[in-house]
Amino acid sequence: MGPHVAVTPGPHQAAIAIALNIPVGTVRSRLNRARRKLRIAIDPGAARDEEVEHERGLAPASD
């Protein structure tokens, strides 16, 4: 499995966890981190938007 798992439909998170022999929570965390990095790579202003939302209590803390 490669990075495409994070951006295209595919195996469920549980299947990914089993294939990589890691907890499902770790899969979720890594996918969320990858999505955030991709979002910021596409739109650098998104990083500042997330900081403002976090300060206002509207978004989870960054990893």
PDB file of N, CA and C in Angstrom:
ATOM      1  N   MET A   1       0.846  -1.188   0.000  1.00  0.00           N
ATOM      2  CA  MET A   1       0.000   0.000   0.000  1.00  0.00           C
ATOM      3  C   MET A   1       0.881   1.237   0.000  1.00  0.00           C
ATOM      4  N   GLY A   2       0.478   2.231  -0.765  1.00  0.00           N
ATOM      5  CA  GLY A   2       1.253   3.459  -0.828  1.00  0.00           C
ATOM      6  C   GLY A   2       0.451   4.650  -0.363  1.00  0.00           C
ATOM      7  N   PRO A   3       0.961   5.848  -0.619  1.00  0.00           N
ATOM      8  CA  PRO A   3       0.298   7.070  -0.182  1.00  0.00           C
ATOM      9  C   PRO A   3      -1.098   7.252  -0.775  1.00  0.00           C
ATOM     10  N   HIS A   4      -1.400   6.577  -1.889  1.00  0.00           N
ATOM     11  CA  HIS A   4      -2.714   6.719  -2.517  1.00  0.00           C
ATOM     12  C   HIS A   4      -3.845   6.329  -1.581  1.00  0.00           C
ATOM     13  N   VAL A   5      -3.569   5.559  -0.558  1.00  0.00           N
ATOM     14  CA  VAL A   5      -4.602   5.122   0.390  1.00  0.00           C
ATOM     15  C   VAL A   5      -5.281   6.322   1.030  1.00  0.00           C
ATOM     16  N   ALA A   6      -4.536   7.390   1.262  1.00  0.00           N
ATOM     17  CA  ALA A   6      -5.075   8.554   1.962  1.00  0.00           C
ATOM     18  C   ALA A   6      -5.981   9.414   1.084  1.00  0.00           C
ATOM     19  N   VAL A   7      -5.868   9.292  -0.217  1.00  0.00           N
ATOM     20  CA  VAL A   7      -6.587  10.228  -1.068  1.00  0.00           C
ATOM     21  C   VAL A   7      -7.566   9.578  -2.040  1.00  0.00           C
ATOM     22  N   THR A   8      -7.628   8.274  -2.073  1.00  0.00           N
ATOM     23  CA  THR A   8      -8.562   7.607  -2.967  1.00  0.00           C
ATOM     24  C   THR A   8      -9.364   6.562  -2.199  1.00  0.00           C
ATOM     25  N   PRO A   9     -10.551   6.238  -2.677  1.00  0.00           N
ATOM     26  CA  PRO A   9     -11.314   5.186  -2.009  1.00  0.00           C
ATOM     27  C   PRO A   9     -10.520   3.880  -2.024  1.00  0.00           C
ATOM     28  N   GLY A  10     -10.631   3.129  -0.975  1.00  0.00           N
ATOM     29  CA  GLY A  10      -9.876   1.897  -0.925  1.00  0.00           C
ATOM     30  C   GLY A  10     -10.237   1.103   0.311  1.00  0.00           C
ATOM     31  N   PRO A  11      -9.277   0.376   0.844  1.00  0.00           N
ATOM     32  CA  PRO A  11      -9.537  -0.477   1.996  1.00  0.00           C
ATOM     33  C   PRO A  11     -10.016   0.330   3.202  1.00  0.00           C
ATOM     34  N   HIS A  12     -10.792  -0.307   4.023  1.00  0.00           N
ATOM     35  CA  HIS A  12     -11.232   0.338   5.254  1.00  0.00           C
ATOM     36  C   HIS A  12     -10.049   0.486   6.193  1.00  0.00           C
ATOM     37  N   GLN A  13     -10.184   1.404   7.131  1.00  0.00           N
ATOM     38  CA  GLN A  13      -9.091   1.661   8.061  1.00  0.00           C
ATOM     39  C   GLN A  13      -8.683   0.403   8.824  1.00  0.00           C
ATOM     40  N   ALA A  14      -9.648  -0.430   9.185  1.00  0.00           N
ATOM     41  CA  ALA A  14      -9.320  -1.663   9.903  1.00  0.00           C
ATOM     42  C   ALA A  14      -8.454  -2.583   9.051  1.00  0.00           C
ATOM     43  N   ALA A  15      -8.751  -2.671   7.760  1.00  0.00           N
ATOM     44  CA  ALA A  15      -7.960  -3.513   6.863  1.00  0.00           C
ATOM     45  C   ALA A  15      -6.541  -2.968   6.719  1.00  0.00           C
ATOM     46  N   ILE A  16      -6.419  -1.658   6.667  1.00  0.00           N
ATOM     47  CA  ILE A  16      -5.092  -1.039   6.580  1.00  0.00           C
ATOM     48  C   ILE A  16      -4.308  -1.360   7.847  1.00  0.00           C
ATOM     49  N   ALA A  17      -4.967  -1.237   9.009  1.00  0.00           N
ATOM     50  CA  ALA A  17      -4.310  -1.514  10.289  1.00  0.00           C
ATOM     51  C   ALA A  17      -3.808  -2.954  10.339  1.00  0.00           C
ATOM     52  N   ILE A  18      -4.625  -3.869   9.887  1.00  0.00           N
ATOM     53  CA  ILE A  18      -4.230  -5.286   9.886  1.00  0.00           C
ATOM     54  C   ILE A  18      -3.045  -5.504   8.942  1.00  0.00           C
ATOM     55  N   ALA A  19      -3.122  -4.922   7.750  1.00  0.00           N
ATOM     56  CA  ALA A  19      -2.057  -5.104   6.761  1.00  0.00           C
ATOM     57  C   ALA A  19      -0.720  -4.549   7.256  1.00  0.00           C
ATOM     58  N   LEU A  20      -0.781  -3.441   8.019  1.00  0.00           N
ATOM     59  CA  LEU A  20       0.449  -2.816   8.500  1.00  0.00           C
ATOM     60  C   LEU A  20       0.813  -3.236   9.920  1.00  0.00           C
ATOM     61  N   ASN A  21      -0.074  -4.040  10.539  1.00  0.00           N
ATOM     62  CA  ASN A  21       0.135  -4.511  11.904  1.00  0.00           C
ATOM     63  C   ASN A  21       0.303  -3.340  12.881  1.00  0.00           C
ATOM     64  N   ILE A  22      -0.619  -2.366  12.774  1.00  0.00           N
ATOM     65  CA  ILE A  22      -0.635  -1.206  13.671  1.00  0.00           C
ATOM     66  C   ILE A  22      -2.070  -0.985  14.145  1.00  0.00           C
ATOM     67  N   PRO A  23      -2.269  -0.247  15.238  1.00  0.00           N
ATOM     68  CA  PRO A  23      -3.622   0.018  15.725  1.00  0.00           C
ATOM     69  C   PRO A  23      -4.432   0.890  14.752  1.00  0.00           C
ATOM     70  N   VAL A  24      -5.740   0.711  14.756  1.00  0.00           N
ATOM     71  CA  VAL A  24      -6.621   1.504  13.889  1.00  0.00           C
ATOM     72  C   VAL A  24      -6.470   2.998  14.209  1.00  0.00           C
ATOM     73  N   GLY A  25      -6.313   3.334  15.477  1.00  0.00           N
ATOM     74  CA  GLY A  25      -6.135   4.739  15.858  1.00  0.00           C
ATOM     75  C   GLY A  25      -4.919   5.367  15.196  1.00  0.00           C
ATOM     76  N   THR A  26      -3.876   4.577  15.032  1.00  0.00           N
ATOM     77  CA  THR A  26      -2.673   5.062  14.355  1.00  0.00           C
ATOM     78  C   THR A  26      -2.965   5.309  12.873  1.00  0.00           C
ATOM     79  N   VAL A  27      -3.736   4.433  12.269  1.00  0.00           N
ATOM     80  CA  VAL A  27      -4.128   4.619  10.864  1.00  0.00           C
ATOM     81  C   VAL A  27      -4.901   5.923  10.731  1.00  0.00           C
ATOM     82  N   ARG A  28      -5.887   6.128  11.592  1.00  0.00           N
ATOM     83  CA  ARG A  28      -6.700   7.353  11.537  1.00  0.00           C
ATOM     84  C   ARG A  28      -5.833   8.593  11.706  1.00  0.00           C
ATOM     85  N   SER A  29      -4.935   8.550  12.679  1.00  0.00           N
ATOM     86  CA  SER A  29      -4.057   9.688  12.933  1.00  0.00           C
ATOM     87  C   SER A  29      -3.186  10.002  11.721  1.00  0.00           C
ATOM     88  N   ARG A  30      -2.600   8.963  11.145  1.00  0.00           N
ATOM     89  CA  ARG A  30      -1.718   9.168   9.982  1.00  0.00           C
ATOM     90  C   ARG A  30      -2.489   9.661   8.770  1.00  0.00           C
ATOM     91  N   LEU A  31      -3.706   9.155   8.574  1.00  0.00           N
ATOM     92  CA  LEU A  31      -4.523   9.635   7.448  1.00  0.00           C
ATOM     93  C   LEU A  31      -4.901  11.092   7.640  1.00  0.00           C
ATOM     94  N   ASN A  32      -5.287  11.458   8.856  1.00  0.00           N
ATOM     95  CA  ASN A  32      -5.641  12.852   9.117  1.00  0.00           C
ATOM     96  C   ASN A  32      -4.448  13.771   8.927  1.00  0.00           C
ATOM     97  N   ARG A  33      -3.280  13.330   9.398  1.00  0.00           N
ATOM     98  CA  ARG A  33      -2.062  14.134   9.225  1.00  0.00           C
ATOM     99  C   ARG A  33      -1.740  14.289   7.738  1.00  0.00           C
ATOM    100  N   ALA A  34      -1.880  13.210   6.970  1.00  0.00           N
ATOM    101  CA  ALA A  34      -1.594  13.265   5.530  1.00  0.00           C
ATOM    102  C   ALA A  34      -2.581  14.191   4.821  1.00  0.00           C
ATOM    103  N   ARG A  35      -3.860  14.114   5.199  1.00  0.00           N
ATOM    104  CA  ARG A  35      -4.862  15.009   4.593  1.00  0.00           C
ATOM    105  C   ARG A  35      -4.534  16.464   4.885  1.00  0.00           C
ATOM    106  N   ARG A  36      -4.142  16.744   6.135  1.00  0.00           N
ATOM    107  CA  ARG A  36      -3.798  18.120   6.507  1.00  0.00           C
ATOM    108  C   ARG A  36      -2.603  18.608   5.695  1.00  0.00           C
ATOM    109  N   LYS A  37      -1.561  17.768   5.579  1.00  0.00           N
ATOM    110  CA  LYS A  37      -0.379  18.167   4.807  1.00  0.00           C
ATOM    111  C   LYS A  37      -0.735  18.403   3.343  1.00  0.00           C
ATOM    112  N   LEU A  38      -1.578  17.562   2.784  1.00  0.00           N
ATOM    113  CA  LEU A  38      -1.999  17.720   1.397  1.00  0.00           C
ATOM    114  C   LEU A  38      -2.788  19.014   1.220  1.00  0.00           C
ATOM    115  N   ARG A  39      -3.709  19.268   2.154  1.00  0.00           N
ATOM    116  CA  ARG A  39      -4.517  20.493   2.099  1.00  0.00           C
ATOM    117  C   ARG A  39      -3.618  21.729   2.127  1.00  0.00           C
ATOM    118  N   ILE A  40      -2.601  21.717   2.996  1.00  0.00           N
ATOM    119  CA  ILE A  40      -1.690  22.858   3.109  1.00  0.00           C
ATOM    120  C   ILE A  40      -0.791  22.964   1.874  1.00  0.00           C
ATOM    121  N   ALA A  41      -0.386  21.824   1.309  1.00  0.00           N
ATOM    122  CA  ALA A  41       0.431  21.859   0.090  1.00  0.00           C
ATOM    123  C   ALA A  41      -0.346  22.459  -1.074  1.00  0.00           C
ATOM    124  N   ILE A  42      -1.636  22.166  -1.127  1.00  0.00           N
ATOM    125  CA  ILE A  42      -2.473  22.692  -2.202  1.00  0.00           C
ATOM    126  C   ILE A  42      -2.798  24.162  -1.963  1.00  0.00           C
ATOM    127  N   ASP A  43      -3.055  24.504  -0.693  1.00  0.00           N
ATOM    128  CA  ASP A  43      -3.435  25.877  -0.336  1.00  0.00           C
ATOM    129  C   ASP A  43      -2.686  26.286   0.926  1.00  0.00           C
ATOM    130  N   PRO A  44      -1.513  26.922   0.779  1.00  0.00           N
ATOM    131  CA  PRO A  44      -0.724  27.294   1.950  1.00  0.00           C
ATOM    132  C   PRO A  44      -1.492  28.153   2.966  1.00  0.00           C
ATOM    133  N   GLY A  45      -2.486  28.877   2.527  1.00  0.00           N
ATOM    134  CA  GLY A  45      -3.302  29.682   3.441  1.00  0.00           C
ATOM    135  C   GLY A  45      -4.126  28.827   4.382  1.00  0.00           C
ATOM    136  N   ALA A  46      -4.301  27.556   4.052  1.00  0.00           N
ATOM    137  CA  ALA A  46      -5.089  26.659   4.897  1.00  0.00           C
ATOM    138  C   ALA A  46      -4.426  26.460   6.258  1.00  0.00           C
ATOM    139  N   ALA A  47      -3.103  26.536   6.318  1.00  0.00           N
ATOM    140  CA  ALA A  47      -2.405  26.373   7.592  1.00  0.00           C
ATOM    141  C   ALA A  47      -2.821  27.478   8.555  1.00  0.00           C
ATOM    142  N   ARG A  48      -2.871  28.700   8.079  1.00  0.00           N
ATOM    143  CA  ARG A  48      -3.268  29.826   8.939  1.00  0.00           C
ATOM    144  C   ARG A  48      -4.729  29.696   9.323  1.00  0.00           C
ATOM    145  N   ASP A  49      -5.578  29.263   8.392  1.00  0.00           N
ATOM    146  CA  ASP A  49      -6.998  29.076   8.689  1.00  0.00           C
ATOM    147  C   ASP A  49      -7.178  28.069   9.820  1.00  0.00           C
ATOM    148  N   GLU A  50      -6.411  26.979   9.793  1.00  0.00           N
ATOM    149  CA  GLU A  50      -6.500  25.969  10.845  1.00  0.00           C
ATOM    150  C   GLU A  50      -6.046  26.531  12.183  1.00  0.00           C
ATOM    151  N   GLU A  51      -4.994  27.366  12.179  1.00  0.00           N
ATOM    152  CA  GLU A  51      -4.524  27.974  13.426  1.00  0.00           C
ATOM    153  C   GLU A  51      -5.596  28.855  14.039  1.00  0.00           C
ATOM    154  N   VAL A  52      -6.264  29.660  13.214  1.00  0.00           N
ATOM    155  CA  VAL A  52      -7.318  30.548  13.697  1.00  0.00           C
ATOM    156  C   VAL A  52      -8.483  29.732  14.249  1.00  0.00           C
ATOM    157  N   GLU A  53      -8.877  28.681  13.538  1.00  0.00           N
ATOM    158  CA  GLU A  53      -9.975  27.831  14.009  1.00  0.00           C
ATOM    159  C   GLU A  53      -9.613  27.171  15.336  1.00  0.00           C
ATOM    160  N   HIS A  54      -8.367  26.731  15.457  1.00  0.00           N
ATOM    161  CA  HIS A  54      -7.943  26.092  16.706  1.00  0.00           C
ATOM    162  C   HIS A  54      -7.999  27.095  17.858  1.00  0.00           C
ATOM    163  N   GLU A  55      -7.522  28.313  17.622  1.00  0.00           N
ATOM    164  CA  GLU A  55      -7.544  29.343  18.656  1.00  0.00           C
ATOM    165  C   GLU A  55      -8.974  29.652  19.104  1.00  0.00           C
ATOM    166  N   ARG A  56      -9.914  29.550  18.200  1.00  0.00           N
ATOM    167  CA  ARG A  56     -11.313  29.822  18.523  1.00  0.00           C
ATOM    168  C   ARG A  56     -12.024  28.583  19.058  1.00  0.00           C
ATOM    169  N   GLY A  57     -11.303  27.473  19.135  1.00  0.00           N
ATOM    170  CA  GLY A  57     -11.906  26.239  19.638  1.00  0.00           C
ATOM    171  C   GLY A  57     -12.774  25.529  18.622  1.00  0.00           C
ATOM    172  N   LEU A  58     -12.560  25.805  17.333  1.00  0.00           N
ATOM    173  CA  LEU A  58     -13.385  25.222  16.276  1.00  0.00           C
ATOM    174  C   LEU A  58     -12.730  24.043  15.582  1.00  0.00           C
ATOM    175  N   ALA A  59     -11.469  23.799  15.857  1.00  0.00           N
ATOM    176  CA  ALA A  59     -10.770  22.710  15.166  1.00  0.00           C
ATOM    177  C   ALA A  59      -9.877  21.990  16.161  1.00  0.00           C
ATOM    178  N   PRO A  60      -9.596  20.712  15.920  1.00  0.00           N
ATOM    179  CA  PRO A  60      -8.696  19.970  16.806  1.00  0.00           C
ATOM    180  C   PRO A  60      -7.269  20.490  16.677  1.00  0.00           C
ATOM    181  N   ALA A  61      -6.474  20.229  17.674  1.00  0.00           N
ATOM    182  CA  ALA A  61      -5.072  20.654  17.663  1.00  0.00           C
ATOM    183  C   ALA A  61      -4.320  19.932  16.562  1.00  0.00           C
ATOM    184  N   SER A  62      -3.263  20.565  16.063  1.00  0.00           N
ATOM    185  CA  SER A  62      -2.417  19.968  15.031  1.00  0.00           C
ATOM    186  C   SER A  62      -1.622  18.832  15.603  1.00  0.00           C
ATOM    187  N   ASP A  63      -1.250  17.898  14.745  1.00  0.00           N
ATOM    188  CA  ASP A  63      -0.398  16.778  15.166  1.00  0.00           C
ATOM    189  C   ASP A  63       1.033  17.196  15.176  1.00  0.00           C
TER     190      ASP A  63
END
